[in-house]
């Protein structure tokens, strides 16, 4: 299975094909916490949901070339609408929220063209 990013949505012009993400991906409800202190010193905390938007995070392992390709894709399309088809064939429309993406070396591996493996994370927030 693979992971496909396409942008800009709805006039898809660019595609990025990635390997399946690693196990342990995250799915959270987007919300923010606001703390307000009253004049008499009492602290009030409010949780403000962002209209039930979901935030996703996927970790990938791949070659340095695939990592650089991902960095360029994010630099070009961060802030714009992106269509993601994940490894479970679920399609989502939203925004890539991590910019810049950082590649971290994950060791040496035989079988890869460069002989090195890199790890990176893509964060994505659904459009509602």
C-alpha atoms as a PDB file:
ATOM      1  CA  UNK A   1       0.000   0.000   0.000  1.00  0.00           C
ATOM      2  CA  UNK A   2       1.132   3.528  -0.550  1.00  0.00           C
ATOM      3  CA  UNK A   3       0.410   7.064   0.558  1.00  0.00           C
ATOM      4  CA  UNK A   4      -0.497   9.732  -2.024  1.00  0.00           C
ATOM      5  CA  UNK A   5      -0.416  13.528  -1.634  1.00  0.00           C
ATOM      6  CA  UNK A   6      -1.896  15.691  -4.399  1.00  0.00           C
ATOM      7  CA  UNK A   7      -2.044  19.480  -4.670  1.00  0.00           C
ATOM      8  CA  UNK A   8      -3.349  22.123  -5.241  1.00  0.00           C
ATOM      9  CA  UNK A   9      -6.923  21.037  -4.610  1.00  0.00           C
ATOM     10  CA  UNK A  10      -9.283  20.920  -6.615  1.00  0.00           C
ATOM     11  CA  UNK A  11      -7.063  21.407  -9.716  1.00  0.00           C
ATOM     12  CA  UNK A  12      -4.583  18.642  -8.902  1.00  0.00           C
ATOM     13  CA  UNK A  13      -1.309  19.319 -10.711  1.00  0.00           C
ATOM     14  CA  UNK A  14       1.324  17.688  -8.500  1.00  0.00           C
ATOM     15  CA  UNK A  15       1.459  14.249  -6.893  1.00  0.00           C
ATOM     16  CA  UNK A  16       3.809  12.754  -4.332  1.00  0.00           C
ATOM     17  CA  UNK A  17       3.823   8.996  -3.772  1.00  0.00           C
ATOM     18  CA  UNK A  18       5.244   7.863  -0.425  1.00  0.00           C
ATOM     19  CA  UNK A  19       5.653   4.427   1.137  1.00  0.00           C
ATOM     20  CA  UNK A  20       3.173   3.347   3.798  1.00  0.00           C
ATOM     21  CA  UNK A  21       3.673   5.223   7.060  1.00  0.00           C
ATOM     22  CA  UNK A  22       5.073   3.560  10.150  1.00  0.00           C
ATOM     23  CA  UNK A  23       2.843   2.108  12.860  1.00  0.00           C
ATOM     24  CA  UNK A  24       1.690   4.421  15.643  1.00  0.00           C
ATOM     25  CA  UNK A  25       0.215   7.286  13.644  1.00  0.00           C
ATOM     26  CA  UNK A  26      -1.827   9.895  15.507  1.00  0.00           C
ATOM     27  CA  UNK A  27      -5.383  11.113  15.067  1.00  0.00           C
ATOM     28  CA  UNK A  28      -6.634  13.889  17.379  1.00  0.00           C
ATOM     29  CA  UNK A  29      -9.458  16.377  17.637  1.00  0.00           C
ATOM     30  CA  UNK A  30      -8.204  19.915  16.951  1.00  0.00           C
ATOM     31  CA  UNK A  31      -8.952  22.301  19.792  1.00  0.00           C
ATOM     32  CA  UNK A  32      -7.313  25.084  21.736  1.00  0.00           C
ATOM     33  CA  UNK A  33      -7.231  25.841  25.451  1.00  0.00           C
ATOM     34  CA  UNK A  34      -7.712  29.391  26.672  1.00  0.00           C
ATOM     35  CA  UNK A  35      -6.940  30.345  30.282  1.00  0.00           C
ATOM     36  CA  UNK A  36      -8.374  33.575  31.670  1.00  0.00           C
ATOM     37  CA  UNK A  37      -7.730  34.952  35.151  1.00  0.00           C
ATOM     38  CA  UNK A  38     -10.492  37.093  36.665  1.00  0.00           C
ATOM     39  CA  UNK A  39      -9.925  40.284  38.638  1.00  0.00           C
ATOM     40  CA  UNK A  40     -10.223  38.402  41.957  1.00  0.00           C
ATOM     41  CA  UNK A  41      -7.560  35.868  40.912  1.00  0.00           C
ATOM     42  CA  UNK A  42      -9.768  32.906  39.981  1.00  0.00           C
ATOM     43  CA  UNK A  43      -8.471  30.996  36.959  1.00  0.00           C
ATOM     44  CA  UNK A  44     -11.025  29.946  34.317  1.00  0.00           C
ATOM     45  CA  UNK A  45     -10.075  27.545  31.537  1.00  0.00           C
ATOM     46  CA  UNK A  46     -12.078  27.187  28.329  1.00  0.00           C
ATOM     47  CA  UNK A  47     -11.609  24.532  25.654  1.00  0.00           C
ATOM     48  CA  UNK A  48     -12.490  25.850  22.225  1.00  0.00           C
ATOM     49  CA  UNK A  49     -13.093  23.093  19.674  1.00  0.00           C
ATOM     50  CA  UNK A  50     -12.270  23.965  16.086  1.00  0.00           C
ATOM     51  CA  UNK A  51     -15.554  22.727  14.590  1.00  0.00           C
ATOM     52  CA  UNK A  52     -14.661  19.048  15.056  1.00  0.00           C
ATOM     53  CA  UNK A  53     -11.616  19.215  12.769  1.00  0.00           C
ATOM     54  CA  UNK A  54      -9.316  16.247  12.988  1.00  0.00           C
ATOM     55  CA  UNK A  55      -5.536  16.478  13.054  1.00  0.00           C
ATOM     56  CA  UNK A  56      -3.467  13.590  11.685  1.00  0.00           C
ATOM     57  CA  UNK A  57       0.222  12.804  11.937  1.00  0.00           C
ATOM     58  CA  UNK A  58       2.113  10.154   9.958  1.00  0.00           C
ATOM     59  CA  UNK A  59       5.766   9.054  10.308  1.00  0.00           C
ATOM     60  CA  UNK A  60       7.672   7.853   7.248  1.00  0.00           C
ATOM     61  CA  UNK A  61      10.942   6.034   6.604  1.00  0.00           C
ATOM     62  CA  UNK A  62      12.637   6.398   3.255  1.00  0.00           C
ATOM     63  CA  UNK A  63      15.655   7.403   1.259  1.00  0.00           C
ATOM     64  CA  UNK A  64      17.207  10.844   1.365  1.00  0.00           C
ATOM     65  CA  UNK A  65      15.907  11.557  -2.146  1.00  0.00           C
ATOM     66  CA  UNK A  66      12.298  10.750  -1.171  1.00  0.00           C
ATOM     67  CA  UNK A  67      12.706  12.912   1.936  1.00  0.00           C
ATOM     68  CA  UNK A  68      13.947  15.851  -0.138  1.00  0.00           C
ATOM     69  CA  UNK A  69      11.063  15.370  -2.566  1.00  0.00           C
ATOM     70  CA  UNK A  70       8.643  15.539   0.390  1.00  0.00           C
ATOM     71  CA  UNK A  71      10.308  18.704   1.719  1.00  0.00           C
ATOM     72  CA  UNK A  72       9.972  20.407  -1.683  1.00  0.00           C
ATOM     73  CA  UNK A  73       6.312  19.366  -1.976  1.00  0.00           C
ATOM     74  CA  UNK A  74       5.526  20.810   1.460  1.00  0.00           C
ATOM     75  CA  UNK A  75       7.444  24.023   0.732  1.00  0.00           C
ATOM     76  CA  UNK A  76       5.455  24.484  -2.484  1.00  0.00           C
ATOM     77  CA  UNK A  77       1.983  23.642  -1.142  1.00  0.00           C
ATOM     78  CA  UNK A  78       1.986  24.430   2.605  1.00  0.00           C
ATOM     79  CA  UNK A  79      -0.951  26.691   3.402  1.00  0.00           C
ATOM     80  CA  UNK A  80      -2.942  25.484   0.393  1.00  0.00           C
ATOM     81  CA  UNK A  81      -5.516  22.728   0.120  1.00  0.00           C
ATOM     82  CA  UNK A  82      -4.088  19.247  -0.356  1.00  0.00           C
ATOM     83  CA  UNK A  83      -5.765  15.903  -1.060  1.00  0.00           C
ATOM     84  CA  UNK A  84      -4.344  12.907   0.804  1.00  0.00           C
ATOM     85  CA  UNK A  85      -5.124   9.275   0.032  1.00  0.00           C
ATOM     86  CA  UNK A  86      -3.680   7.332   2.928  1.00  0.00           C
ATOM     87  CA  UNK A  87      -2.471   3.740   3.156  1.00  0.00           C
ATOM     88  CA  UNK A  88      -6.001   2.607   4.102  1.00  0.00           C
ATOM     89  CA  UNK A  89      -7.435   4.175   0.893  1.00  0.00           C
ATOM     90  CA  UNK A  90      -9.205   6.942   2.867  1.00  0.00           C
ATOM     91  CA  UNK A  91      -9.245  10.322   1.110  1.00  0.00           C
ATOM     92  CA  UNK A  92      -9.000  13.565   3.079  1.00  0.00           C
ATOM     93  CA  UNK A  93      -8.936  17.231   2.050  1.00  0.00           C
ATOM     94  CA  UNK A  94      -7.112  19.757   4.227  1.00  0.00           C
ATOM     95  CA  UNK A  95      -3.878  21.536   5.021  1.00  0.00           C
ATOM     96  CA  UNK A  96      -0.346  20.355   5.734  1.00  0.00           C
ATOM     97  CA  UNK A  97       0.441  22.077   9.022  1.00  0.00           C
ATOM     98  CA  UNK A  98       4.089  21.172   9.558  1.00  0.00           C
ATOM     99  CA  UNK A  99       6.473  23.501   7.791  1.00  0.00           C
ATOM    100  CA  UNK A 100       9.396  23.019   7.508  1.00  0.00           C
ATOM    101  CA  UNK A 101       9.658  19.258   7.536  1.00  0.00           C
ATOM    102  CA  UNK A 102      12.853  18.049   9.146  1.00  0.00           C
ATOM    103  CA  UNK A 103      14.631  14.925   7.986  1.00  0.00           C
ATOM    104  CA  UNK A 104      16.442  12.949  10.647  1.00  0.00           C
ATOM    105  CA  UNK A 105      18.912  10.195   9.898  1.00  0.00           C
ATOM    106  CA  UNK A 106      17.712   6.804  11.038  1.00  0.00           C
ATOM    107  CA  UNK A 107      20.818   4.770  10.265  1.00  0.00           C
ATOM    108  CA  UNK A 108      22.321   2.808   7.445  1.00  0.00           C
ATOM    109  CA  UNK A 109      20.417   0.262   5.427  1.00  0.00           C
ATOM    110  CA  UNK A 110      21.387  -2.054   2.664  1.00  0.00           C
ATOM    111  CA  UNK A 111      19.132  -2.117  -0.349  1.00  0.00           C
ATOM    112  CA  UNK A 112      18.549   1.644  -0.434  1.00  0.00           C
ATOM    113  CA  UNK A 113      20.300   3.548  -3.267  1.00  0.00           C
ATOM    114  CA  UNK A 114      22.046   5.965  -0.911  1.00  0.00           C
ATOM    115  CA  UNK A 115      22.620   3.337   1.781  1.00  0.00           C
ATOM    116  CA  UNK A 116      20.982   5.618   4.357  1.00  0.00           C
ATOM    117  CA  UNK A 117      17.482   5.756   5.829  1.00  0.00           C
ATOM    118  CA  UNK A 118      15.757   8.987   6.899  1.00  0.00           C
ATOM    119  CA  UNK A 119      12.649   9.614   8.990  1.00  0.00           C
ATOM    120  CA  UNK A 120      10.178  12.502   8.684  1.00  0.00           C
ATOM    121  CA  UNK A 121       6.674  13.379   9.899  1.00  0.00           C
ATOM    122  CA  UNK A 122       3.746  14.911   8.036  1.00  0.00           C
ATOM    123  CA  UNK A 123       1.065  16.748  10.042  1.00  0.00           C
ATOM    124  CA  UNK A 124      -2.285  17.336   8.397  1.00  0.00           C
ATOM    125  CA  UNK A 125      -5.432  19.182   9.505  1.00  0.00           C
ATOM    126  CA  UNK A 126      -8.760  18.408   7.858  1.00  0.00           C
ATOM    127  CA  UNK A 127     -10.833  21.127   6.248  1.00  0.00           C
ATOM    128  CA  UNK A 128     -14.408  21.272   7.563  1.00  0.00           C
END
